[in-house]
Amino acid sequence: MNKTATVRARLEPGLKEKAEEILHRLGLNTTQAITLFYRQIELMEGLPFPLDIPNETTRATFKATDSGEDLIVCEDAEDLFKKLGI
């Protein structure tokens, strides 16, 4: 198939760099990744992953943790399991 369409997008430079590092480890370039993404959209007839709007409880939790509230800090995995009671 002849490839003549162009996709342009503006991204945060750090996001672009990190994503391209991961794609490189997967053996993909940006064009291949975008093509895979578009193919999946076509096959799924929508986004190839769930996309939900957070409910009020989730939004409140995000707000609290972003401001450093309601956090439980664990020293290591053993401390985490102890605090979880497992």
N, C-alpha and C. Protein backbone atom coordinates (compact mmCIF):
# COMPACT_ATOMS: atom_id res chain seq x y z
N MET A 1 0.84 -1.18 0.00
CA MET A 1 0.00 0.00 0.00
C MET A 1 0.89 1.24 0.00
N ASN A 2 0.52 2.21 -0.78
CA ASN A 2 1.28 3.44 -0.89
C ASN A 2 1.06 4.31 0.35
N LYS A 3 2.14 4.73 0.99
CA LYS A 3 2.05 5.55 2.20
C LYS A 3 2.25 7.01 1.83
N THR A 4 1.15 7.76 1.82
CA THR A 4 1.25 9.17 1.46
C THR A 4 0.65 10.10 2.50
N ALA A 5 -0.03 9.57 3.50
CA ALA A 5 -0.64 10.41 4.53
C ALA A 5 0.39 10.75 5.60
N THR A 6 0.24 11.92 6.19
CA THR A 6 1.16 12.39 7.22
C THR A 6 0.38 12.69 8.50
N VAL A 7 0.97 12.33 9.63
CA VAL A 7 0.41 12.65 10.94
C VAL A 7 1.41 13.55 11.65
N ARG A 8 0.93 14.68 12.17
CA ARG A 8 1.80 15.59 12.92
C ARG A 8 1.21 15.78 14.30
N ALA A 9 2.08 15.79 15.30
CA ALA A 9 1.61 16.00 16.68
C ALA A 9 2.68 16.73 17.47
N ARG A 10 2.24 17.56 18.39
CA ARG A 10 3.17 18.24 19.29
C ARG A 10 3.12 17.51 20.63
N LEU A 11 4.31 17.19 21.15
CA LEU A 11 4.42 16.45 22.41
C LEU A 11 5.42 17.16 23.32
N GLU A 12 5.30 16.87 24.60
CA GLU A 12 6.33 17.33 25.52
C GLU A 12 7.62 16.60 25.16
N PRO A 13 8.74 17.30 25.06
CA PRO A 13 10.00 16.67 24.65
C PRO A 13 10.38 15.46 25.52
N GLY A 14 10.19 15.57 26.83
CA GLY A 14 10.53 14.45 27.71
C GLY A 14 9.70 13.21 27.45
N LEU A 15 8.40 13.42 27.21
CA LEU A 15 7.52 12.30 26.90
C LEU A 15 7.95 11.62 25.61
N LYS A 16 8.23 12.42 24.60
CA LYS A 16 8.67 11.89 23.31
C LYS A 16 9.95 11.07 23.47
N GLU A 17 10.91 11.61 24.20
CA GLU A 17 12.19 10.92 24.39
C GLU A 17 12.02 9.60 25.12
N LYS A 18 11.26 9.61 26.21
CA LYS A 18 11.05 8.38 26.98
C LYS A 18 10.32 7.32 26.16
N ALA A 19 9.28 7.76 25.45
CA ALA A 19 8.52 6.81 24.64
C ALA A 19 9.38 6.22 23.53
N GLU A 20 10.20 7.06 22.88
CA GLU A 20 11.04 6.55 21.80
C GLU A 20 12.12 5.61 22.32
N GLU A 21 12.60 5.82 23.54
CA GLU A 21 13.55 4.87 24.15
C GLU A 21 12.90 3.51 24.32
N ILE A 22 11.66 3.50 24.78
CA ILE A 22 10.93 2.24 24.97
C ILE A 22 10.65 1.58 23.62
N LEU A 23 10.23 2.37 22.65
CA LEU A 23 9.98 1.82 21.32
C LEU A 23 11.25 1.20 20.74
N HIS A 24 12.38 1.87 20.93
CA HIS A 24 13.66 1.34 20.45
C HIS A 24 13.95 -0.02 21.07
N ARG A 25 13.71 -0.15 22.38
CA ARG A 25 13.93 -1.44 23.06
C ARG A 25 13.00 -2.52 22.50
N LEU A 26 11.84 -2.10 22.01
CA LEU A 26 10.89 -3.04 21.40
C LEU A 26 11.20 -3.31 19.93
N GLY A 27 12.18 -2.60 19.40
CA GLY A 27 12.54 -2.79 18.00
C GLY A 27 11.64 -2.04 17.04
N LEU A 28 10.99 -0.98 17.52
CA LEU A 28 10.07 -0.21 16.70
C LEU A 28 10.54 1.23 16.56
N ASN A 29 10.23 1.82 15.43
CA ASN A 29 10.45 3.26 15.30
C ASN A 29 9.10 3.95 15.49
N THR A 30 9.10 5.27 15.51
CA THR A 30 7.88 6.02 15.77
C THR A 30 6.80 5.74 14.73
N THR A 31 7.17 5.71 13.48
CA THR A 31 6.19 5.45 12.41
C THR A 31 5.54 4.08 12.59
N GLN A 32 6.34 3.07 12.91
CA GLN A 32 5.79 1.73 13.12
C GLN A 32 4.83 1.70 14.31
N ALA A 33 5.20 2.40 15.38
CA ALA A 33 4.35 2.44 16.56
C ALA A 33 3.02 3.13 16.26
N ILE A 34 3.07 4.23 15.55
CA ILE A 34 1.84 4.95 15.20
C ILE A 34 0.98 4.08 14.29
N THR A 35 1.61 3.39 13.34
CA THR A 35 0.86 2.49 12.46
C THR A 35 0.19 1.38 13.26
N LEU A 36 0.91 0.79 14.22
CA LEU A 36 0.31 -0.24 15.08
C LEU A 36 -0.88 0.32 15.85
N PHE A 37 -0.71 1.51 16.40
CA PHE A 37 -1.78 2.15 17.16
C PHE A 37 -3.01 2.37 16.27
N TYR A 38 -2.82 2.91 15.08
CA TYR A 38 -3.93 3.14 14.17
C TYR A 38 -4.58 1.83 13.73
N ARG A 39 -3.77 0.79 13.49
CA ARG A 39 -4.34 -0.52 13.12
C ARG A 39 -5.23 -1.05 14.24
N GLN A 40 -4.77 -0.91 15.47
CA GLN A 40 -5.56 -1.38 16.60
C GLN A 40 -6.86 -0.58 16.74
N ILE A 41 -6.80 0.71 16.50
CA ILE A 41 -8.02 1.53 16.51
C ILE A 41 -8.99 1.01 15.45
N GLU A 42 -8.44 0.73 14.27
CA GLU A 42 -9.28 0.21 13.18
C GLU A 42 -9.90 -1.13 13.56
N LEU A 43 -9.08 -2.05 14.08
CA LEU A 43 -9.57 -3.39 14.43
C LEU A 43 -10.56 -3.37 15.58
N MET A 44 -10.30 -2.53 16.58
CA MET A 44 -11.16 -2.48 17.77
C MET A 44 -12.36 -1.54 17.57
N GLU A 45 -12.31 -0.77 16.49
CA GLU A 45 -13.32 0.26 16.24
C GLU A 45 -13.43 1.21 17.43
N GLY A 46 -12.28 1.57 17.96
CA GLY A 46 -12.18 2.48 19.10
C GLY A 46 -10.77 2.41 19.64
N LEU A 47 -10.55 3.06 20.76
CA LEU A 47 -9.22 3.01 21.36
C LEU A 47 -8.90 1.59 21.81
N PRO A 48 -7.66 1.15 21.66
CA PRO A 48 -7.30 -0.24 22.00
C PRO A 48 -7.00 -0.43 23.49
N PHE A 49 -7.55 0.43 24.32
CA PHE A 49 -7.39 0.30 25.78
C PHE A 49 -8.57 1.01 26.43
N PRO A 50 -8.92 0.61 27.65
CA PRO A 50 -10.05 1.27 28.31
C PRO A 50 -9.70 2.71 28.67
N LEU A 51 -10.65 3.57 28.52
CA LEU A 51 -10.47 4.98 28.86
C LEU A 51 -11.69 5.40 29.66
N ASP A 52 -11.48 5.62 30.94
CA ASP A 52 -12.59 5.95 31.83
C ASP A 52 -12.40 7.33 32.43
N ILE A 53 -13.50 7.99 32.71
CA ILE A 53 -13.48 9.26 33.42
C ILE A 53 -13.51 8.93 34.91
N PRO A 54 -12.53 9.39 35.68
CA PRO A 54 -12.50 9.06 37.10
C PRO A 54 -13.75 9.56 37.83
N ASN A 55 -14.24 8.74 38.76
CA ASN A 55 -15.38 9.17 39.56
C ASN A 55 -14.91 10.13 40.67
N GLU A 56 -15.82 10.64 41.45
CA GLU A 56 -15.50 11.64 42.48
C GLU A 56 -14.52 11.09 43.52
N THR A 57 -14.68 9.84 43.91
CA THR A 57 -13.77 9.24 44.89
C THR A 57 -12.36 9.17 44.35
N THR A 58 -12.22 8.75 43.11
CA THR A 58 -10.90 8.66 42.49
C THR A 58 -10.28 10.04 42.34
N ARG A 59 -11.06 11.02 41.91
CA ARG A 59 -10.53 12.39 41.78
C ARG A 59 -10.07 12.93 43.13
N ALA A 60 -10.84 12.66 44.20
CA ALA A 60 -10.46 13.12 45.53
C ALA A 60 -9.17 12.44 45.99
N THR A 61 -9.03 11.16 45.67
CA THR A 61 -7.81 10.43 46.02
C THR A 61 -6.61 10.99 45.28
N PHE A 62 -6.75 11.24 43.99
CA PHE A 62 -5.66 11.85 43.22
C PHE A 62 -5.26 13.18 43.82
N LYS A 63 -6.25 14.01 44.14
CA LYS A 63 -5.97 15.34 44.70
C LYS A 63 -5.22 15.22 46.03
N ALA A 64 -5.67 14.30 46.89
CA ALA A 64 -5.03 14.13 48.20
C ALA A 64 -3.60 13.63 48.06
N THR A 65 -3.39 12.62 47.25
CA THR A 65 -2.04 12.07 47.13
C THR A 65 -1.11 13.03 46.40
N ASP A 66 -1.63 13.79 45.44
CA ASP A 66 -0.80 14.78 44.76
C ASP A 66 -0.30 15.85 45.72
N SER A 67 -1.10 16.13 46.75
CA SER A 67 -0.69 17.14 47.73
C SER A 67 0.03 16.51 48.93
N GLY A 68 0.31 15.20 48.84
CA GLY A 68 1.07 14.53 49.90
C GLY A 68 0.24 14.07 51.08
N GLU A 69 -1.07 14.11 50.96
CA GLU A 69 -1.96 13.68 52.05
C GLU A 69 -2.34 12.22 51.89
N ASP A 70 -2.68 11.59 53.01
CA ASP A 70 -3.20 10.21 53.03
C ASP A 70 -2.25 9.20 52.38
N LEU A 71 -0.95 9.43 52.50
CA LEU A 71 0.03 8.51 51.94
C LEU A 71 0.54 7.57 53.03
N ILE A 72 0.75 6.35 52.67
CA ILE A 72 1.38 5.38 53.57
C ILE A 72 2.72 5.02 52.94
N VAL A 73 3.78 5.35 53.65
CA VAL A 73 5.13 5.11 53.14
C VAL A 73 5.66 3.82 53.74
N CYS A 74 6.22 2.98 52.88
CA CYS A 74 6.77 1.70 53.32
C CYS A 74 8.28 1.69 53.08
N GLU A 75 8.99 1.09 54.01
CA GLU A 75 10.44 1.01 53.91
C GLU A 75 10.88 0.02 52.83
N ASP A 76 10.14 -1.08 52.72
CA ASP A 76 10.48 -2.12 51.76
C ASP A 76 9.26 -3.01 51.58
N ALA A 77 9.39 -4.07 50.79
CA ALA A 77 8.27 -4.96 50.51
C ALA A 77 7.75 -5.62 51.78
N GLU A 78 8.65 -6.01 52.66
CA GLU A 78 8.23 -6.65 53.91
C GLU A 78 7.37 -5.69 54.73
N ASP A 79 7.77 -4.43 54.81
CA ASP A 79 6.99 -3.42 55.53
C ASP A 79 5.63 -3.22 54.86
N LEU A 80 5.60 -3.23 53.54
CA LEU A 80 4.35 -3.10 52.80
C LEU A 80 3.39 -4.23 53.17
N PHE A 81 3.88 -5.47 53.11
CA PHE A 81 3.03 -6.62 53.42
C PHE A 81 2.54 -6.56 54.85
N LYS A 82 3.38 -6.14 55.77
CA LYS A 82 3.01 -6.02 57.17
C LYS A 82 1.88 -5.00 57.32
N LYS A 83 2.01 -3.85 56.67
CA LYS A 83 0.98 -2.82 56.76
C LYS A 83 -0.32 -3.25 56.08
N LEU A 84 -0.22 -4.11 55.08
CA LEU A 84 -1.41 -4.65 54.41
C LEU A 84 -2.03 -5.81 55.18
N GLY A 85 -1.28 -6.33 56.16
CA GLY A 85 -1.78 -7.45 56.95
C GLY A 85 -1.69 -8.78 56.24
N ILE A 86 -0.70 -8.88 55.33
CA ILE A 86 -0.53 -10.17 54.62
C ILE A 86 0.90 -10.66 54.75
